Every structure is written in structure tokens, then in C-alpha cells.
C-alpha atoms as a PDB file:
ATOM      1  CA  UNK A   1      18.318 -11.530 172.502  1.00  0.00           C
ATOM      2  CA  UNK A   2      16.941  -9.071 169.973  1.00  0.00           C
ATOM      3  CA  UNK A   3      18.764  -9.010 166.649  1.00  0.00           C
ATOM      4  CA  UNK A   4      17.466  -6.301 164.336  1.00  0.00           C
ATOM      5  CA  UNK A   5      17.818  -6.881 160.617  1.00  0.00           C
ATOM      6  CA  UNK A   6      17.975  -3.674 158.603  1.00  0.00           C
ATOM      7  CA  UNK A   7      17.265  -3.989 154.895  1.00  0.00           C
ATOM      8  CA  UNK A   8      18.743  -1.019 153.085  1.00  0.00           C
ATOM      9  CA  UNK A   9      17.093   0.215 149.912  1.00  0.00           C
ATOM     10  CA  UNK A  10      17.975   2.961 147.467  1.00  0.00           C
ATOM     11  CA  UNK A  11      20.028   5.533 149.361  1.00  0.00           C
ATOM     12  CA  UNK A  12      21.120   3.105 152.085  1.00  0.00           C
ATOM     13  CA  UNK A  13      23.682   0.599 150.842  1.00  0.00           C
ATOM     14  CA  UNK A  14      25.800   0.727 154.023  1.00  0.00           C
ATOM     15  CA  UNK A  15      25.325   1.517 157.702  1.00  0.00           C
ATOM     16  CA  UNK A  16      27.524   4.317 158.985  1.00  0.00           C
ATOM     17  CA  UNK A  17      29.127   3.503 162.317  1.00  0.00           C
ATOM     18  CA  UNK A  18      28.455  -0.237 162.376  1.00  0.00           C
ATOM     19  CA  UNK A  19      31.048  -2.254 164.274  1.00  0.00           C
ATOM     20  CA  UNK A  20      31.237  -5.304 162.026  1.00  0.00           C
ATOM     21  CA  UNK A  21      31.727  -8.586 163.844  1.00  0.00           C
ATOM     22  CA  UNK A  22      31.171 -10.884 160.880  1.00  0.00           C
ATOM     23  CA  UNK A  23      29.897 -11.176 157.338  1.00  0.00           C
ATOM     24  CA  UNK A  24      28.539 -14.083 155.384  1.00  0.00           C
ATOM     25  CA  UNK A  25      26.703 -14.899 152.201  1.00  0.00           C
ATOM     26  CA  UNK A  26      24.154 -17.515 153.154  1.00  0.00           C
ATOM     27  CA  UNK A  27      23.034 -20.092 150.629  1.00  0.00           C
ATOM     28  CA  UNK A  28      19.276 -20.677 150.826  1.00  0.00           C
ATOM     29  CA  UNK A  29      16.872 -23.159 149.237  1.00  0.00           C
ATOM     30  CA  UNK A  30      15.754 -20.216 147.091  1.00  0.00           C
ATOM     31  CA  UNK A  31      19.137 -19.100 145.798  1.00  0.00           C
ATOM     32  CA  UNK A  32      21.508 -16.322 146.761  1.00  0.00           C
ATOM     33  CA  UNK A  33      20.482 -13.180 148.667  1.00  0.00           C
ATOM     34  CA  UNK A  34      21.135  -9.756 147.180  1.00  0.00           C
ATOM     35  CA  UNK A  35      24.345  -9.204 149.120  1.00  0.00           C
ATOM     36  CA  UNK A  36      26.405 -10.559 151.962  1.00  0.00           C
ATOM     37  CA  UNK A  37      24.935 -10.148 155.423  1.00  0.00           C
ATOM     38  CA  UNK A  38      26.938  -7.845 157.687  1.00  0.00           C
ATOM     39  CA  UNK A  39      26.624  -8.679 161.367  1.00  0.00           C
ATOM     40  CA  UNK A  40      27.674  -6.314 164.116  1.00  0.00           C
ATOM     41  CA  UNK A  41      26.780  -3.729 166.718  1.00  0.00           C
ATOM     42  CA  UNK A  42      25.314  -0.314 166.046  1.00  0.00           C
ATOM     43  CA  UNK A  43      24.452   2.198 168.780  1.00  0.00           C
ATOM     44  CA  UNK A  44      24.520  -0.633 171.317  1.00  0.00           C
ATOM     45  CA  UNK A  45      22.176  -2.936 169.403  1.00  0.00           C
ATOM     46  CA  UNK A  46      22.839  -6.227 167.633  1.00  0.00           C
ATOM     47  CA  UNK A  47      22.167  -5.792 163.917  1.00  0.00           C
ATOM     48  CA  UNK A  48      22.324  -7.604 160.605  1.00  0.00           C
ATOM     49  CA  UNK A  49      22.484  -5.444 157.498  1.00  0.00           C
ATOM     50  CA  UNK A  50      21.456  -6.499 153.996  1.00  0.00           C
ATOM     51  CA  UNK A  51      21.624  -4.257 150.927  1.00  0.00           C
ATOM     52  CA  UNK A  52      18.373  -5.050 149.103  1.00  0.00           C
ATOM     53  CA  UNK A  53      19.650  -4.055 145.657  1.00  0.00           C
ATOM     54  CA  UNK A  54      23.174  -5.359 146.260  1.00  0.00           C
ATOM     55  CA  UNK A  55      26.354  -3.411 146.902  1.00  0.00           C
ATOM     56  CA  UNK A  56      27.013  -1.830 144.500  1.00  0.00           C
ATOM     57  CA  UNK A  57      23.362  -0.993 143.847  1.00  0.00           C
ATOM     58  CA  UNK A  58      22.649  -2.970 140.671  1.00  0.00           C
ATOM     59  CA  UNK A  59      19.690  -5.336 141.140  1.00  0.00           C
ATOM     60  CA  UNK A  60      16.405  -3.794 139.919  1.00  0.00           C
ATOM     61  CA  UNK A  61      13.283  -4.224 142.080  1.00  0.00           C
ATOM     62  CA  UNK A  62      11.638  -6.892 139.923  1.00  0.00           C
ATOM     63  CA  UNK A  63      14.785  -9.041 139.935  1.00  0.00           C
ATOM     64  CA  UNK A  64      15.463  -9.012 143.684  1.00  0.00           C
ATOM     65  CA  UNK A  65      15.438 -12.479 145.231  1.00  0.00           C
ATOM     66  CA  UNK A  66      13.089 -11.542 148.074  1.00  0.00           C
ATOM     67  CA  UNK A  67      12.700 -15.124 149.260  1.00  0.00           C
ATOM     68  CA  UNK A  68      16.466 -15.640 149.587  1.00  0.00           C
ATOM     69  CA  UNK A  69      16.847 -12.306 151.395  1.00  0.00           C
ATOM     70  CA  UNK A  70      14.219 -12.981 154.058  1.00  0.00           C
ATOM     71  CA  UNK A  71      15.207 -16.623 154.488  1.00  0.00           C
ATOM     72  CA  UNK A  72      18.879 -15.673 154.919  1.00  0.00           C
ATOM     73  CA  UNK A  73      18.077 -13.014 157.522  1.00  0.00           C
ATOM     74  CA  UNK A  74      16.161 -15.473 159.650  1.00  0.00           C
ATOM     75  CA  UNK A  75      18.859 -18.118 159.215  1.00  0.00           C
ATOM     76  CA  UNK A  76      21.455 -15.586 160.387  1.00  0.00           C
ATOM     77  CA  UNK A  77      19.504 -15.029 163.598  1.00  0.00           C
ATOM     78  CA  UNK A  78      17.386 -11.944 162.909  1.00  0.00           C
ATOM     79  CA  UNK A  79      14.429 -11.605 165.280  1.00  0.00           C
ATOM     80  CA  UNK A  80      12.855  -8.530 163.612  1.00  0.00           C
ATOM     81  CA  UNK A  81      13.182  -6.661 160.325  1.00  0.00           C
ATOM     82  CA  UNK A  82      13.211  -2.939 159.576  1.00  0.00           C
ATOM     83  CA  UNK A  83      12.868  -2.357 155.845  1.00  0.00           C
ATOM     84  CA  UNK A  84      14.175   1.023 154.683  1.00  0.00           C
ATOM     85  CA  UNK A  85      12.772   2.074 151.313  1.00  0.00           C
ATOM     86  CA  UNK A  86      12.757   5.068 148.984  1.00  0.00           C
ATOM     87  CA  UNK A  87       9.240   5.860 147.775  1.00  0.00           C
ATOM     88  CA  UNK A  88       7.214   8.448 145.888  1.00  0.00           C
ATOM     89  CA  UNK A  89       4.605  10.636 147.527  1.00  0.00           C
ATOM     90  CA  UNK A  90       0.998  10.635 146.346  1.00  0.00           C
ATOM     91  CA  UNK A  91      -1.130  12.377 148.961  1.00  0.00           C
ATOM     92  CA  UNK A  92      -0.439  15.828 150.394  1.00  0.00           C
ATOM     93  CA  UNK A  93       1.142  14.691 153.666  1.00  0.00           C
ATOM     94  CA  UNK A  94       3.738  12.615 151.818  1.00  0.00           C
ATOM     95  CA  UNK A  95       5.999  15.420 150.630  1.00  0.00           C
ATOM     96  CA  UNK A  96       9.572  14.752 149.470  1.00  0.00           C
ATOM     97  CA  UNK A  97      12.044  14.358 152.300  1.00  0.00           C
ATOM     98  CA  UNK A  98       9.476  13.029 154.786  1.00  0.00           C
ATOM     99  CA  UNK A  99      10.003   9.824 156.734  1.00  0.00           C
ATOM    100  CA  UNK A 100       6.904   7.623 156.849  1.00  0.00           C
ATOM    101  CA  UNK A 101       6.060   4.514 158.883  1.00  0.00           C
ATOM    102  CA  UNK A 102       3.268   3.034 156.718  1.00  0.00           C
ATOM    103  CA  UNK A 103       0.570   0.766 158.106  1.00  0.00           C
ATOM    104  CA  UNK A 104      -1.003  -0.723 154.981  1.00  0.00           C
ATOM    105  CA  UNK A 105      -0.072  -2.164 151.579  1.00  0.00           C
ATOM    106  CA  UNK A 106      -1.596  -2.579 148.135  1.00  0.00           C
ATOM    107  CA  UNK A 107       0.240  -4.989 145.815  1.00  0.00           C
ATOM    108  CA  UNK A 108       0.329  -4.141 142.089  1.00  0.00           C
ATOM    109  CA  UNK A 109       3.285  -6.381 141.284  1.00  0.00           C
ATOM    110  CA  UNK A 110       3.206  -9.468 139.069  1.00  0.00           C
ATOM    111  CA  UNK A 111       5.357 -12.482 138.288  1.00  0.00           C
ATOM    112  CA  UNK A 112       7.396 -12.231 141.491  1.00  0.00           C
ATOM    113  CA  UNK A 113       8.075 -15.324 143.584  1.00  0.00           C
ATOM    114  CA  UNK A 114       5.917 -14.322 146.523  1.00  0.00           C
ATOM    115  CA  UNK A 115       5.636 -17.264 148.913  1.00  0.00           C
ATOM    116  CA  UNK A 116       7.666 -19.979 150.572  1.00  0.00           C
ATOM    117  CA  UNK A 117       4.629 -22.273 150.512  1.00  0.00           C
ATOM    118  CA  UNK A 118       4.171 -23.652 147.013  1.00  0.00           C
ATOM    119  CA  UNK A 119       6.035 -26.949 146.547  1.00  0.00           C
ATOM    120  CA  UNK A 120       5.870 -30.328 148.338  1.00  0.00           C
ATOM    121  CA  UNK A 121       3.351 -29.136 150.910  1.00  0.00           C
ATOM    122  CA  UNK A 122       1.600 -31.374 153.398  1.00  0.00           C
ATOM    123  CA  UNK A 123      -1.270 -28.882 153.274  1.00  0.00           C
ATOM    124  CA  UNK A 124      -2.059 -25.496 151.762  1.00  0.00           C
ATOM    125  CA  UNK A 125      -0.835 -22.624 153.934  1.00  0.00           C
ATOM    126  CA  UNK A 126      -2.534 -19.219 154.212  1.00  0.00           C
ATOM    127  CA  UNK A 127      -1.262 -16.359 156.373  1.00  0.00           C
ATOM    128  CA  UNK A 128      -3.363 -13.603 157.893  1.00  0.00           C
ATOM    129  CA  UNK A 129      -2.220 -10.341 156.309  1.00  0.00           C
ATOM    130  CA  UNK A 130      -4.938  -7.990 157.523  1.00  0.00           C
ATOM    131  CA  UNK A 131      -2.276  -5.771 159.087  1.00  0.00           C
ATOM    132  CA  UNK A 132       0.824  -6.268 156.915  1.00  0.00           C
ATOM    133  CA  UNK A 133       3.213  -4.477 159.261  1.00  0.00           C
ATOM    134  CA  UNK A 134       3.837  -5.625 162.844  1.00  0.00           C
ATOM    135  CA  UNK A 135       2.023  -3.180 165.129  1.00  0.00           C
ATOM    136  CA  UNK A 136       4.469  -3.307 168.043  1.00  0.00           C
ATOM    137  CA  UNK A 137       7.493  -2.782 165.797  1.00  0.00           C
ATOM    138  CA  UNK A 138       5.773   0.166 164.085  1.00  0.00           C
ATOM    139  CA  UNK A 139       5.071   1.772 167.445  1.00  0.00           C
ATOM    140  CA  UNK A 140       8.675   1.307 168.546  1.00  0.00           C
ATOM    141  CA  UNK A 141       9.856   3.026 165.361  1.00  0.00           C
ATOM    142  CA  UNK A 142       7.456   5.906 165.912  1.00  0.00           C
ATOM    143  CA  UNK A 143       8.580   6.255 169.526  1.00  0.00           C
ATOM    144  CA  UNK A 144      12.207   6.299 168.357  1.00  0.00           C
ATOM    145  CA  UNK A 145      11.361   8.980 165.809  1.00  0.00           C
ATOM    146  CA  UNK A 146       9.836  11.052 168.592  1.00  0.00           C
ATOM    147  CA  UNK A 147      12.938  10.670 170.766  1.00  0.00           C
ATOM    148  CA  UNK A 148      15.139  11.608 167.807  1.00  0.00           C
ATOM    149  CA  UNK A 149      12.900  14.601 166.997  1.00  0.00           C
ATOM    150  CA  UNK A 150      12.231  13.214 163.512  1.00  0.00           C
ATOM    151  CA  UNK A 151       8.792  14.247 162.259  1.00  0.00           C
ATOM    152  CA  UNK A 152       7.782  10.829 160.960  1.00  0.00           C
ATOM    153  CA  UNK A 153       4.333  10.345 159.457  1.00  0.00           C
ATOM    154  CA  UNK A 154       2.339   7.729 161.361  1.00  0.00           C
ATOM    155  CA  UNK A 155       0.550   5.504 158.851  1.00  0.00           C
ATOM    156  CA  UNK A 156      -0.190   5.501 155.162  1.00  0.00           C
ATOM    157  CA  UNK A 157      -0.791   2.953 152.447  1.00  0.00           C
ATOM    158  CA  UNK A 158       2.202   1.847 150.385  1.00  0.00           C
ATOM    159  CA  UNK A 159       1.292   0.800 146.840  1.00  0.00           C
ATOM    160  CA  UNK A 160       3.920  -1.537 145.396  1.00  0.00           C
ATOM    161  CA  UNK A 161       4.444  -1.390 141.623  1.00  0.00           C
ATOM    162  CA  UNK A 162       6.447  -3.706 139.416  1.00  0.00           C
ATOM    163  CA  UNK A 163       9.153  -1.336 138.176  1.00  0.00           C
ATOM    164  CA  UNK A 164      11.802  -0.699 137.199  1.00  0.00           C
ATOM    165  CA  UNK A 165      10.150   2.142 135.269  1.00  0.00           C
ATOM    166  CA  UNK A 166       8.414   4.891 137.167  1.00  0.00           C
ATOM    167  CA  UNK A 167       4.639   5.151 136.914  1.00  0.00           C
ATOM    168  CA  UNK A 168       2.479   7.151 134.541  1.00  0.00           C
ATOM    169  CA  UNK A 169       0.395  10.052 135.834  1.00  0.00           C
ATOM    170  CA  UNK A 170      -2.744   8.003 135.132  1.00  0.00           C
ATOM    171  CA  UNK A 171      -1.400   5.101 137.194  1.00  0.00           C
ATOM    172  CA  UNK A 172      -0.722   7.435 140.117  1.00  0.00           C
ATOM    173  CA  UNK A 173      -4.249   8.844 139.847  1.00  0.00           C
ATOM    174  CA  UNK A 174      -5.611   5.289 139.947  1.00  0.00           C
ATOM    175  CA  UNK A 175      -3.467   4.460 142.954  1.00  0.00           C
ATOM    176  CA  UNK A 176      -4.750   7.534 144.765  1.00  0.00           C
ATOM    177  CA  UNK A 177      -8.332   6.469 144.053  1.00  0.00           C
ATOM    178  CA  UNK A 178      -7.392   3.057 145.461  1.00  0.00           C
ATOM    179  CA  UNK A 179      -6.319   4.711 148.704  1.00  0.00           C
ATOM    180  CA  UNK A 180      -2.548   4.688 148.254  1.00  0.00           C
ATOM    181  CA  UNK A 181      -0.463   7.413 149.884  1.00  0.00           C
ATOM    182  CA  UNK A 182       2.945   6.172 148.746  1.00  0.00           C
ATOM    183  CA  UNK A 183       4.336   4.375 145.727  1.00  0.00           C
ATOM    184  CA  UNK A 184       7.392   2.141 145.733  1.00  0.00           C
ATOM    185  CA  UNK A 185       8.715  -1.002 144.094  1.00  0.00           C
ATOM    186  CA  UNK A 186      10.000  -3.235 146.907  1.00  0.00           C
ATOM    187  CA  UNK A 187       7.253  -3.404 149.539  1.00  0.00           C
ATOM    188  CA  UNK A 188       5.975  -6.726 148.243  1.00  0.00           C
ATOM    189  CA  UNK A 189       6.482  -9.626 148.471  1.00  0.00           C
ATOM    190  CA  UNK A 190       9.043  -8.730 151.145  1.00  0.00           C
ATOM    191  CA  UNK A 191       6.464  -7.993 153.863  1.00  0.00           C
ATOM    192  CA  UNK A 192       4.431 -11.119 153.169  1.00  0.00           C
ATOM    193  CA  UNK A 193       7.505 -13.345 153.182  1.00  0.00           C
ATOM    194  CA  UNK A 194       8.524 -12.006 156.586  1.00  0.00           C
ATOM    195  CA  UNK A 195       5.025 -12.798 157.864  1.00  0.00           C
ATOM    196  CA  UNK A 196       5.280 -16.350 156.490  1.00  0.00           C
ATOM    197  CA  UNK A 197       8.430 -16.861 158.587  1.00  0.00           C
ATOM    198  CA  UNK A 198       6.866 -15.135 161.629  1.00  0.00           C
ATOM    199  CA  UNK A 199       9.445 -12.353 161.536  1.00  0.00           C
ATOM    200  CA  UNK A 200       8.180  -9.025 162.912  1.00  0.00           C
ATOM    201  CA  UNK A 201       8.483  -6.554 160.040  1.00  0.00           C
ATOM    202  CA  UNK A 202       7.965  -2.820 159.579  1.00  0.00           C
ATOM    203  CA  UNK A 203       8.847  -0.313 156.891  1.00  0.00           C
ATOM    204  CA  UNK A 204      10.682   2.977 157.314  1.00  0.00           C
ATOM    205  CA  UNK A 205      10.021   4.834 154.060  1.00  0.00           C
ATOM    206  CA  UNK A 206      11.706   7.984 152.787  1.00  0.00           C
ATOM    207  CA  UNK A 207       9.753  10.038 150.266  1.00  0.00           C
ATOM    208  CA  UNK A 208      12.234  10.798 147.488  1.00  0.00           C
ATOM    209  CA  UNK A 209       9.917  12.539 145.018  1.00  0.00           C
ATOM    210  CA  UNK A 210       6.322  13.308 144.164  1.00  0.00           C
ATOM    211  CA  UNK A 211       4.592  10.592 142.170  1.00  0.00           C
ATOM    212  CA  UNK A 212       4.102  11.158 138.445  1.00  0.00           C
ATOM    213  CA  UNK A 213       1.771  14.060 137.711  1.00  0.00           C
ATOM    214  CA  UNK A 214       1.942  15.409 141.269  1.00  0.00           C
ATOM    215  CA  UNK A 215       4.509  18.085 140.430  1.00  0.00           C
ATOM    216  CA  UNK A 216       5.583  20.106 137.417  1.00  0.00           C
ATOM    217  CA  UNK A 217       7.934  18.533 134.902  1.00  0.00           C
ATOM    218  CA  UNK A 218       9.709  15.198 134.832  1.00  0.00           C
ATOM    219  CA  UNK A 219      10.993  13.278 137.825  1.00  0.00           C
ATOM    220  CA  UNK A 220      14.794  13.532 137.806  1.00  0.00           C
ATOM    221  CA  UNK A 221      17.504  11.570 139.604  1.00  0.00           C
ATOM    222  CA  UNK A 222      18.955  14.865 140.869  1.00  0.00           C
ATOM    223  CA  UNK A 223      15.656  15.603 142.625  1.00  0.00           C
ATOM    224  CA  UNK A 224      15.469  12.083 144.062  1.00  0.00           C
ATOM    225  CA  UNK A 225      19.040  12.202 145.372  1.00  0.00           C
ATOM    226  CA  UNK A 226      18.478  15.595 147.002  1.00  0.00           C
ATOM    227  CA  UNK A 227      15.443  14.458 148.980  1.00  0.00           C
ATOM    228  CA  UNK A 228      16.928  11.043 149.750  1.00  0.00           C
ATOM    229  CA  UNK A 229      19.977  12.662 151.284  1.00  0.00           C
ATOM    230  CA  UNK A 230      17.835  14.690 153.670  1.00  0.00           C
ATOM    231  CA  UNK A 231      15.499  11.824 154.462  1.00  0.00           C
ATOM    232  CA  UNK A 232      18.252   9.274 155.063  1.00  0.00           C
ATOM    233  CA  UNK A 233      19.873  11.633 157.565  1.00  0.00           C
ATOM    234  CA  UNK A 234      16.609  11.496 159.517  1.00  0.00           C
ATOM    235  CA  UNK A 235      16.489   7.705 159.170  1.00  0.00           C
ATOM    236  CA  UNK A 236      19.985   7.440 160.628  1.00  0.00           C
ATOM    237  CA  UNK A 237      18.869   9.482 163.655  1.00  0.00           C
ATOM    238  CA  UNK A 238      15.714   7.394 164.007  1.00  0.00           C
ATOM    239  CA  UNK A 239      17.673   4.126 163.888  1.00  0.00           C
ATOM    240  CA  UNK A 240      20.142   5.462 166.445  1.00  0.00           C
ATOM    241  CA  UNK A 241      17.295   6.172 168.863  1.00  0.00           C
ATOM    242  CA  UNK A 242      15.633   2.853 168.080  1.00  0.00           C
ATOM    243  CA  UNK A 243      18.734   0.757 168.741  1.00  0.00           C
ATOM    244  CA  UNK A 244      19.655   2.669 171.884  1.00  0.00           C
ATOM    245  CA  UNK A 245      16.179   1.783 173.208  1.00  0.00           C
END
């Protein structure tokens, strides 16, 4: 049976319409996850929902216990993970309000616990991370977007920064030279940890604002909330189509 875990980021702290059948806060060898796990049915599909930043939204990106979150989802029976995230746009196609299904990652974070394989190992473990997002799951999301008539962008490189501050204009220019199309703060180590546990994982990103220096003036929370509202409406339609199959 397919059980889809949905990790909600900024702008998605609850799933509208979920028929909750249970909730639990799972203790893991790596500590407590960000929030309780809500289990239930949504649009005919079995789902587990986790609020990445907690509910209420209060855990900053660099303090999220990514290992506990991913471990708890697998322990609760998740067979695949859709990670919803608010991001900034860097390249022209990534305008605010767009939904993007990225296909690559660049990791600029530091000092985050980024692997399950570091203590008491029988041997050193390396994972292949050539394609950081699961191809089949990405294609299913894109097909769902098409059915829902959501104009999702197929592909793009998500650059993950440390946060919680937003980036400087010079940092965004560097990221663009590096090939990044999007900037966010939660893409890693979440994706790599899912790969370590062999959990299919894909990202559904909502562009909330232009990256620093890509528009006039300062980036404001009012601007972010405006674009997030529009983008999350599209995400809800996409997820509906995805779960209906």
C-alpha cells in the first residue's frame, strides 16, 4: 500500500480536508521530530503529514531536526515523501507564485546533522546522489500538475542556504553562476536523508519571492505571503490530483 508523506513548509502547516485517523509523536534515535505526525486519508489517498517548522511555525531552518523527521516518517509507514517548500526565484522562469518540481540540488549549508551513517558503523556507507530527487515520483507530480491544470515548471536546481537570514545580492549572483534556479533553506539534508533510508523523495516548491537583487527594493513578508497564498492554492490542486491518481 502506498502511504504518501507530505512535509509542509512555510505556508503549509496543515492539510485542508484531511480525514485524520490518528496522530503520534514518534521518538527516534535522533530526538524528536518537528511536530506530531498526522495520519489519515486525503482525496482517497493514505497520507502522513508533518509540519517541517512545527505547528505553530517556530523552528528556523537551521534548527530543524531533519534526521528525526525523516526517520519518524519511515517508522510511521511512509513509502514516499513529497516535500513542499517555499523558495526564492533566481532565473527568469522562476517568477513568484510559480510551482516548481526541481530536479537538482546544490548544498550551501553547514553544521547540520546530515547523515544517519556516522556512529558505530560496521563499514563506511556512501549513497549515490547523482539525481537527488526520485525520477518516477517527480514525473507523477508533473502528471498530476497537468491533470490539475497547474503550470508547474519541470526541473531546476535548488540551492540550499543555511538561513535563517535571507541572502545578499552577491550571494544570489554567485548562486546563479553556479547554476542555481531557486534558493531555499530546507532542501538539504532532507533529500539526502530520505535517500539514505531508500524513501522515494521529490520536492514541490512554491516561489514566494525573487532572490535578493532580482527585483527593486527589499524583500518583504507581505510580498512573500501574497505569492505563497497563490502558489499554495495551486499546490493543493496538484496534491488533490496526485492522490486521486
